[in-house]
Amino acid sequence: MKIGEAQQIYREQVKEYRAQRSAIAKQLKDVRSRMEHFPGRQEEYASEAATLELTLNALDEKETEYQEYLDRLAQQYCAYWNATVADQQADAAAEYAEDVAKMMEVARRIMKGGIVPAQDEKKLMEYSFEMYQTAKNIGSLAQREKKEKYKSLWKEEEEKEYDDPQEAAENGTAPAEAPDVVDVADTMASAVESK
């Protein structure tokens, strides 16, 4: 099961359990109130209160189990998200380092008096105008008779496509040890039966 699907399923379960728990807690409060107002029927109300308390405890237990699983899913979601972002950042850092190395090489070639493509000069100028100016000034002092002509260091650049971190996280595999999805009514019925 994918993490996104599992999160949706278990969030719904927690929501249903909370709603039912709230209703049972209200019923329990009403029964306790009746116990105080009608002392003659205390035994009848005590039995009903005990059943409601057992049901409430069973609902609490199952809701806690689901919430703990949701917490594990959230941690795994973050792990997938962070891994995807880290890959993208590593690629960006590698590309940046490569571009800086190319800028230095273009500057070196210009300083030697070489002829570099206009697009390379433009990239160096956009990267650092001061470096470009320094390279041009030093290059103009170089001997003019032996100018080497260079090809561009940049090739046609393809736009890389990266995975969407949210999509990668949602499509990650959910932990296999997921709790069984049990309907609220079944949990309530089993609590009453165990009484």
C-alpha atoms as a PDB file:
ATOM      1  CA  MET A   1       0.000   0.000   0.000  1.00  0.00           C
ATOM      2  CA  LYS A   2       1.254   3.490  -0.758  1.00  0.00           C
ATOM      3  CA  ILE A   3       1.872   5.948   2.060  1.00  0.00           C
ATOM      4  CA  GLY A   4      -0.664   8.472   0.742  1.00  0.00           C
ATOM      5  CA  GLU A   5      -3.400   5.842   0.552  1.00  0.00           C
ATOM      6  CA  ALA A   6      -2.579   4.494   4.009  1.00  0.00           C
ATOM      7  CA  GLN A   7      -2.638   7.987   5.504  1.00  0.00           C
ATOM      8  CA  GLN A   8      -6.063   8.646   4.040  1.00  0.00           C
ATOM      9  CA  ILE A   9      -7.488   5.339   5.311  1.00  0.00           C
ATOM     10  CA  TYR A  10      -6.139   5.679   8.836  1.00  0.00           C
ATOM     11  CA  ARG A  11      -7.011   9.370   9.161  1.00  0.00           C
ATOM     12  CA  GLU A  12     -10.615   8.450   8.354  1.00  0.00           C
ATOM     13  CA  GLN A  13     -10.484   5.688  10.962  1.00  0.00           C
ATOM     14  CA  VAL A  14      -9.149   8.051  13.633  1.00  0.00           C
ATOM     15  CA  LYS A  15     -11.828  10.585  12.730  1.00  0.00           C
ATOM     16  CA  GLU A  16     -14.609   7.983  13.033  1.00  0.00           C
ATOM     17  CA  TYR A  17     -13.253   6.659  16.319  1.00  0.00           C
ATOM     18  CA  ARG A  18     -13.002  10.162  17.781  1.00  0.00           C
ATOM     19  CA  ALA A  19     -16.564  10.972  16.764  1.00  0.00           C
ATOM     20  CA  GLN A  20     -17.869   7.736  18.266  1.00  0.00           C
ATOM     21  CA  ARG A  21     -15.743   8.193  21.405  1.00  0.00           C
ATOM     22  CA  SER A  22     -17.202  11.663  21.869  1.00  0.00           C
ATOM     23  CA  ALA A  23     -20.736  10.287  21.577  1.00  0.00           C
ATOM     24  CA  ILE A  24     -20.018   7.477  24.058  1.00  0.00           C
ATOM     25  CA  ALA A  25     -18.379   9.909  26.499  1.00  0.00           C
ATOM     26  CA  LYS A  26     -21.508  12.058  26.360  1.00  0.00           C
ATOM     27  CA  GLN A  27     -23.711   9.013  27.002  1.00  0.00           C
ATOM     28  CA  LEU A  28     -21.507   8.039  29.947  1.00  0.00           C
ATOM     29  CA  LYS A  29     -21.827  11.530  31.397  1.00  0.00           C
ATOM     30  CA  ASP A  30     -25.617  11.313  31.058  1.00  0.00           C
ATOM     31  CA  VAL A  31     -25.725   7.890  32.758  1.00  0.00           C
ATOM     32  CA  ARG A  32     -23.614   9.126  35.659  1.00  0.00           C
ATOM     33  CA  SER A  33     -25.893  12.127  35.989  1.00  0.00           C
ATOM     34  CA  ARG A  34     -28.921   9.810  36.104  1.00  0.00           C
ATOM     35  CA  MET A  35     -27.172   7.701  38.749  1.00  0.00           C
ATOM     36  CA  GLU A  36     -26.974  10.764  40.982  1.00  0.00           C
ATOM     37  CA  HIS A  37     -30.582  11.829  40.378  1.00  0.00           C
ATOM     38  CA  PHE A  38     -32.203   8.368  40.605  1.00  0.00           C
ATOM     39  CA  PRO A  39     -30.576   6.483  43.494  1.00  0.00           C
ATOM     40  CA  GLY A  40     -33.167   3.678  43.286  1.00  0.00           C
ATOM     41  CA  ARG A  41     -31.984   2.628  39.811  1.00  0.00           C
ATOM     42  CA  GLN A  42     -28.279   2.888  40.623  1.00  0.00           C
ATOM     43  CA  GLU A  43     -27.538  -0.782  39.845  1.00  0.00           C
ATOM     44  CA  GLU A  44     -29.130  -0.575  36.411  1.00  0.00           C
ATOM     45  CA  TYR A  45     -27.231   2.619  35.610  1.00  0.00           C
ATOM     46  CA  ALA A  46     -23.960   1.218  37.025  1.00  0.00           C
ATOM     47  CA  SER A  47     -24.155  -1.702  34.615  1.00  0.00           C
ATOM     48  CA  GLU A  48     -24.809   0.640  31.715  1.00  0.00           C
ATOM     49  CA  ALA A  49     -21.943   2.907  32.837  1.00  0.00           C
ATOM     50  CA  ALA A  50     -19.575  -0.064  33.040  1.00  0.00           C
ATOM     51  CA  THR A  51     -20.501  -1.119  29.502  1.00  0.00           C
ATOM     52  CA  LEU A  52     -19.968   2.419  28.231  1.00  0.00           C
ATOM     53  CA  GLU A  53     -16.591   2.647  29.990  1.00  0.00           C
ATOM     54  CA  LEU A  54     -15.450  -0.632  28.429  1.00  0.00           C
ATOM     55  CA  THR A  55     -16.576   0.598  25.030  1.00  0.00           C
ATOM     56  CA  LEU A  56     -14.808   3.924  25.571  1.00  0.00           C
ATOM     57  CA  ASN A  57     -11.590   2.151  26.584  1.00  0.00           C
ATOM     58  CA  ALA A  58     -11.738  -0.114  23.508  1.00  0.00           C
ATOM     59  CA  LEU A  59     -12.266   2.904  21.252  1.00  0.00           C
ATOM     60  CA  ASP A  60      -9.387   4.765  22.926  1.00  0.00           C
ATOM     61  CA  GLU A  61      -7.083   1.788  22.520  1.00  0.00           C
ATOM     62  CA  LYS A  62      -7.833   1.336  18.820  1.00  0.00           C
ATOM     63  CA  GLU A  63      -7.640   5.072  18.115  1.00  0.00           C
ATOM     64  CA  THR A  64      -4.225   5.205  19.828  1.00  0.00           C
ATOM     65  CA  GLU A  65      -3.038   2.269  17.711  1.00  0.00           C
ATOM     66  CA  TYR A  66      -4.140   4.037  14.524  1.00  0.00           C
ATOM     67  CA  GLN A  67      -2.621   7.342  15.598  1.00  0.00           C
ATOM     68  CA  GLU A  68       0.730   5.683  16.348  1.00  0.00           C
ATOM     69  CA  TYR A  69       0.673   4.114  12.886  1.00  0.00           C
ATOM     70  CA  LEU A  70      -0.132   7.501  11.351  1.00  0.00           C
ATOM     71  CA  ASP A  71       2.890   8.929  13.171  1.00  0.00           C
ATOM     72  CA  ARG A  72       5.107   6.211  11.651  1.00  0.00           C
ATOM     73  CA  LEU A  73       3.612   6.952   8.233  1.00  0.00           C
ATOM     74  CA  ALA A  74       4.389  10.652   8.692  1.00  0.00           C
ATOM     75  CA  GLN A  75       8.004   9.837   9.514  1.00  0.00           C
ATOM     76  CA  GLN A  76       8.315   7.625   6.464  1.00  0.00           C
ATOM     77  CA  TYR A  77       6.602  10.282   4.320  1.00  0.00           C
ATOM     78  CA  CYS A  78       9.219  12.795   5.480  1.00  0.00           C
ATOM     79  CA  ALA A  79      12.017  10.345   4.755  1.00  0.00           C
ATOM     80  CA  TYR A  80      10.858   9.875   1.145  1.00  0.00           C
ATOM     81  CA  TRP A  81      10.340  13.634   0.741  1.00  0.00           C
ATOM     82  CA  ASN A  82      13.783  14.453   2.142  1.00  0.00           C
ATOM     83  CA  ALA A  83      15.494  11.808   0.001  1.00  0.00           C
ATOM     84  CA  THR A  84      13.928  13.242  -3.150  1.00  0.00           C
ATOM     85  CA  VAL A  85      14.880  16.803  -2.219  1.00  0.00           C
ATOM     86  CA  ALA A  86      18.416  15.712  -1.281  1.00  0.00           C
ATOM     87  CA  ASP A  87      18.855  14.131  -4.723  1.00  0.00           C
ATOM     88  CA  GLN A  88      17.727  17.347  -6.372  1.00  0.00           C
ATOM     89  CA  GLN A  89      20.038  19.445  -4.204  1.00  0.00           C
ATOM     90  CA  ALA A  90      22.988  17.141  -4.904  1.00  0.00           C
ATOM     91  CA  ASP A  91      22.397  17.493  -8.642  1.00  0.00           C
ATOM     92  CA  ALA A  92      22.141  21.272  -8.330  1.00  0.00           C
ATOM     93  CA  ALA A  93      25.356  21.448  -6.286  1.00  0.00           C
ATOM     94  CA  ALA A  94      27.203  19.258  -8.791  1.00  0.00           C
ATOM     95  CA  GLU A  95      25.988  21.391 -11.697  1.00  0.00           C
ATOM     96  CA  TYR A  96      27.007  24.554  -9.868  1.00  0.00           C
ATOM     97  CA  ALA A  97      30.499  23.192  -9.161  1.00  0.00           C
ATOM     98  CA  GLU A  98      30.840  22.185 -12.799  1.00  0.00           C
ATOM     99  CA  ASP A  99      29.730  25.645 -13.950  1.00  0.00           C
ATOM    100  CA  VAL A 100      32.201  27.373 -11.609  1.00  0.00           C
ATOM    101  CA  ALA A 101      35.016  25.185 -12.982  1.00  0.00           C
ATOM    102  CA  LYS A 102      33.990  26.151 -16.512  1.00  0.00           C
ATOM    103  CA  MET A 103      33.964  29.850 -15.544  1.00  0.00           C
ATOM    104  CA  MET A 104      37.495  29.535 -14.198  1.00  0.00           C
ATOM    105  CA  GLU A 105      38.640  27.805 -17.383  1.00  0.00           C
ATOM    106  CA  VAL A 106      37.036  30.489 -19.577  1.00  0.00           C
ATOM    107  CA  ALA A 107      38.772  33.174 -17.502  1.00  0.00           C
ATOM    108  CA  ARG A 108      42.104  31.337 -17.810  1.00  0.00           C
ATOM    109  CA  ARG A 109      41.723  31.065 -21.583  1.00  0.00           C
ATOM    110  CA  ILE A 110      40.909  34.756 -21.894  1.00  0.00           C
ATOM    111  CA  MET A 111      43.907  35.645 -19.681  1.00  0.00           C
ATOM    112  CA  LYS A 112      46.183  33.639 -22.007  1.00  0.00           C
ATOM    113  CA  GLY A 113      44.946  35.761 -24.882  1.00  0.00           C
ATOM    114  CA  GLY A 114      42.848  32.995 -26.395  1.00  0.00           C
ATOM    115  CA  ILE A 115      39.706  33.490 -28.432  1.00  0.00           C
ATOM    116  CA  VAL A 116      36.682  32.052 -26.713  1.00  0.00           C
ATOM    117  CA  PRO A 117      33.106  31.899 -28.006  1.00  0.00           C
ATOM    118  CA  ALA A 118      30.965  34.951 -27.276  1.00  0.00           C
ATOM    119  CA  GLN A 119      28.460  32.885 -25.305  1.00  0.00           C
ATOM    120  CA  ASP A 120      31.243  31.741 -22.950  1.00  0.00           C
ATOM    121  CA  GLU A 121      32.381  35.315 -22.423  1.00  0.00           C
ATOM    122  CA  LYS A 122      28.804  36.347 -21.766  1.00  0.00           C
ATOM    123  CA  LYS A 123      28.363  33.590 -19.177  1.00  0.00           C
ATOM    124  CA  LEU A 124      31.594  34.667 -17.440  1.00  0.00           C
ATOM    125  CA  MET A 125      30.451  38.291 -17.469  1.00  0.00           C
ATOM    126  CA  GLU A 126      27.062  37.319 -15.963  1.00  0.00           C
ATOM    127  CA  TYR A 127      28.762  35.158 -13.351  1.00  0.00           C
ATOM    128  CA  SER A 128      31.299  37.792 -12.258  1.00  0.00           C
ATOM    129  CA  PHE A 129      31.856  41.032 -14.087  1.00  0.00           C
ATOM    130  CA  GLU A 130      35.008  41.705 -12.032  1.00  0.00           C
ATOM    131  CA  MET A 131      36.508  38.328 -13.021  1.00  0.00           C
ATOM    132  CA  TYR A 132      35.609  38.991 -16.642  1.00  0.00           C
ATOM    133  CA  GLN A 133      37.223  42.451 -16.585  1.00  0.00           C
ATOM    134  CA  THR A 134      40.351  41.119 -14.919  1.00  0.00           C
ATOM    135  CA  ALA A 135      40.661  38.289 -17.453  1.00  0.00           C
ATOM    136  CA  LYS A 136      40.182  40.686 -20.389  1.00  0.00           C
ATOM    137  CA  ASN A 137      42.774  43.120 -19.007  1.00  0.00           C
ATOM    138  CA  ILE A 138      45.352  40.386 -18.448  1.00  0.00           C
ATOM    139  CA  GLY A 139      44.493  38.844 -21.814  1.00  0.00           C
ATOM    140  CA  SER A 140      45.102  42.114 -23.623  1.00  0.00           C
ATOM    141  CA  LEU A 141      48.640  42.147 -22.240  1.00  0.00           C
ATOM    142  CA  ALA A 142      49.302  38.660 -23.651  1.00  0.00           C
ATOM    143  CA  GLN A 143      51.200  38.343 -26.908  1.00  0.00           C
ATOM    144  CA  ARG A 144      48.929  38.895 -29.845  1.00  0.00           C
ATOM    145  CA  GLU A 145      50.635  36.730 -32.433  1.00  0.00           C
ATOM    146  CA  LYS A 146      49.671  33.300 -31.058  1.00  0.00           C
ATOM    147  CA  LYS A 147      46.001  33.363 -30.105  1.00  0.00           C
ATOM    148  CA  GLU A 148      44.474  29.982 -29.604  1.00  0.00           C
ATOM    149  CA  LYS A 149      40.860  29.550 -30.576  1.00  0.00           C
ATOM    150  CA  TYR A 150      38.650  27.493 -28.273  1.00  0.00           C
ATOM    151  CA  LYS A 151      35.288  25.789 -28.576  1.00  0.00           C
ATOM    152  CA  SER A 152      32.559  26.451 -26.064  1.00  0.00           C
ATOM    153  CA  LEU A 153      32.664  24.557 -22.792  1.00  0.00           C
ATOM    154  CA  TRP A 154      28.872  24.517 -22.592  1.00  0.00           C
ATOM    155  CA  LYS A 155      26.919  22.083 -24.645  1.00  0.00           C
ATOM    156  CA  GLU A 156      23.257  22.203 -25.420  1.00  0.00           C
ATOM    157  CA  GLU A 157      21.733  22.048 -21.974  1.00  0.00           C
ATOM    158  CA  GLU A 158      18.800  19.788 -21.413  1.00  0.00           C
ATOM    159  CA  GLU A 159      16.292  20.728 -18.780  1.00  0.00           C
ATOM    160  CA  LYS A 160      16.360  18.041 -16.118  1.00  0.00           C
ATOM    161  CA  GLU A 161      13.083  16.829 -14.760  1.00  0.00           C
ATOM    162  CA  TYR A 162      12.911  16.046 -11.092  1.00  0.00           C
ATOM    163  CA  ASP A 163      10.430  13.993  -9.124  1.00  0.00           C
ATOM    164  CA  ASP A 164       7.913  15.932  -7.111  1.00  0.00           C
ATOM    165  CA  PRO A 165       8.852  15.344  -3.441  1.00  0.00           C
ATOM    166  CA  GLN A 166       5.203  15.181  -2.388  1.00  0.00           C
ATOM    167  CA  GLU A 167       4.398  12.653  -5.092  1.00  0.00           C
ATOM    168  CA  ALA A 168       7.474  10.580  -4.196  1.00  0.00           C
ATOM    169  CA  ALA A 169       6.501  10.610  -0.529  1.00  0.00           C
ATOM    170  CA  GLU A 170       2.865   9.704  -1.162  1.00  0.00           C
ATOM    171  CA  ASN A 171       3.820   6.889  -3.542  1.00  0.00           C
ATOM    172  CA  GLY A 172       6.395   5.456  -1.158  1.00  0.00           C
ATOM    173  CA  THR A 173       5.662   2.062   0.321  1.00  0.00           C
ATOM    174  CA  ALA A 174       3.868   2.105   3.663  1.00  0.00           C
ATOM    175  CA  PRO A 175       5.205  -0.135   6.440  1.00  0.00           C
ATOM    176  CA  ALA A 176       3.906  -3.679   6.125  1.00  0.00           C
ATOM    177  CA  GLU A 177       3.016  -4.002   9.809  1.00  0.00           C
ATOM    178  CA  ALA A 178      -0.084  -1.832   9.522  1.00  0.00           C
ATOM    179  CA  PRO A 179      -2.828  -2.355  12.087  1.00  0.00           C
ATOM    180  CA  ASP A 180      -5.989  -4.029  10.837  1.00  0.00           C
ATOM    181  CA  VAL A 181      -8.710  -1.600   9.876  1.00  0.00           C
ATOM    182  CA  VAL A 182     -11.590  -2.366  12.227  1.00  0.00           C
ATOM    183  CA  ASP A 183     -14.933  -0.647  11.901  1.00  0.00           C
ATOM    184  CA  VAL A 184     -15.985   1.417  14.929  1.00  0.00           C
ATOM    185  CA  ALA A 185     -19.147  -0.642  15.380  1.00  0.00           C
ATOM    186  CA  ASP A 186     -17.121  -3.877  15.479  1.00  0.00           C
ATOM    187  CA  THR A 187     -14.784  -2.452  18.125  1.00  0.00           C
ATOM    188  CA  MET A 188     -17.744  -1.350  20.220  1.00  0.00           C
ATOM    189  CA  ALA A 189     -19.416  -4.753  19.843  1.00  0.00           C
ATOM    190  CA  SER A 190     -16.268  -6.626  20.868  1.00  0.00           C
ATOM    191  CA  ALA A 191     -15.892  -4.416  23.954  1.00  0.00           C
ATOM    192  CA  VAL A 192     -19.437  -5.229  25.046  1.00  0.00           C
ATOM    193  CA  GLU A 193     -18.968  -8.969  24.325  1.00  0.00           C
ATOM    194  CA  SER A 194     -15.818  -9.157  26.444  1.00  0.00           C
ATOM    195  CA  LYS A 195     -17.789  -7.831  29.427  1.00  0.00           C
END
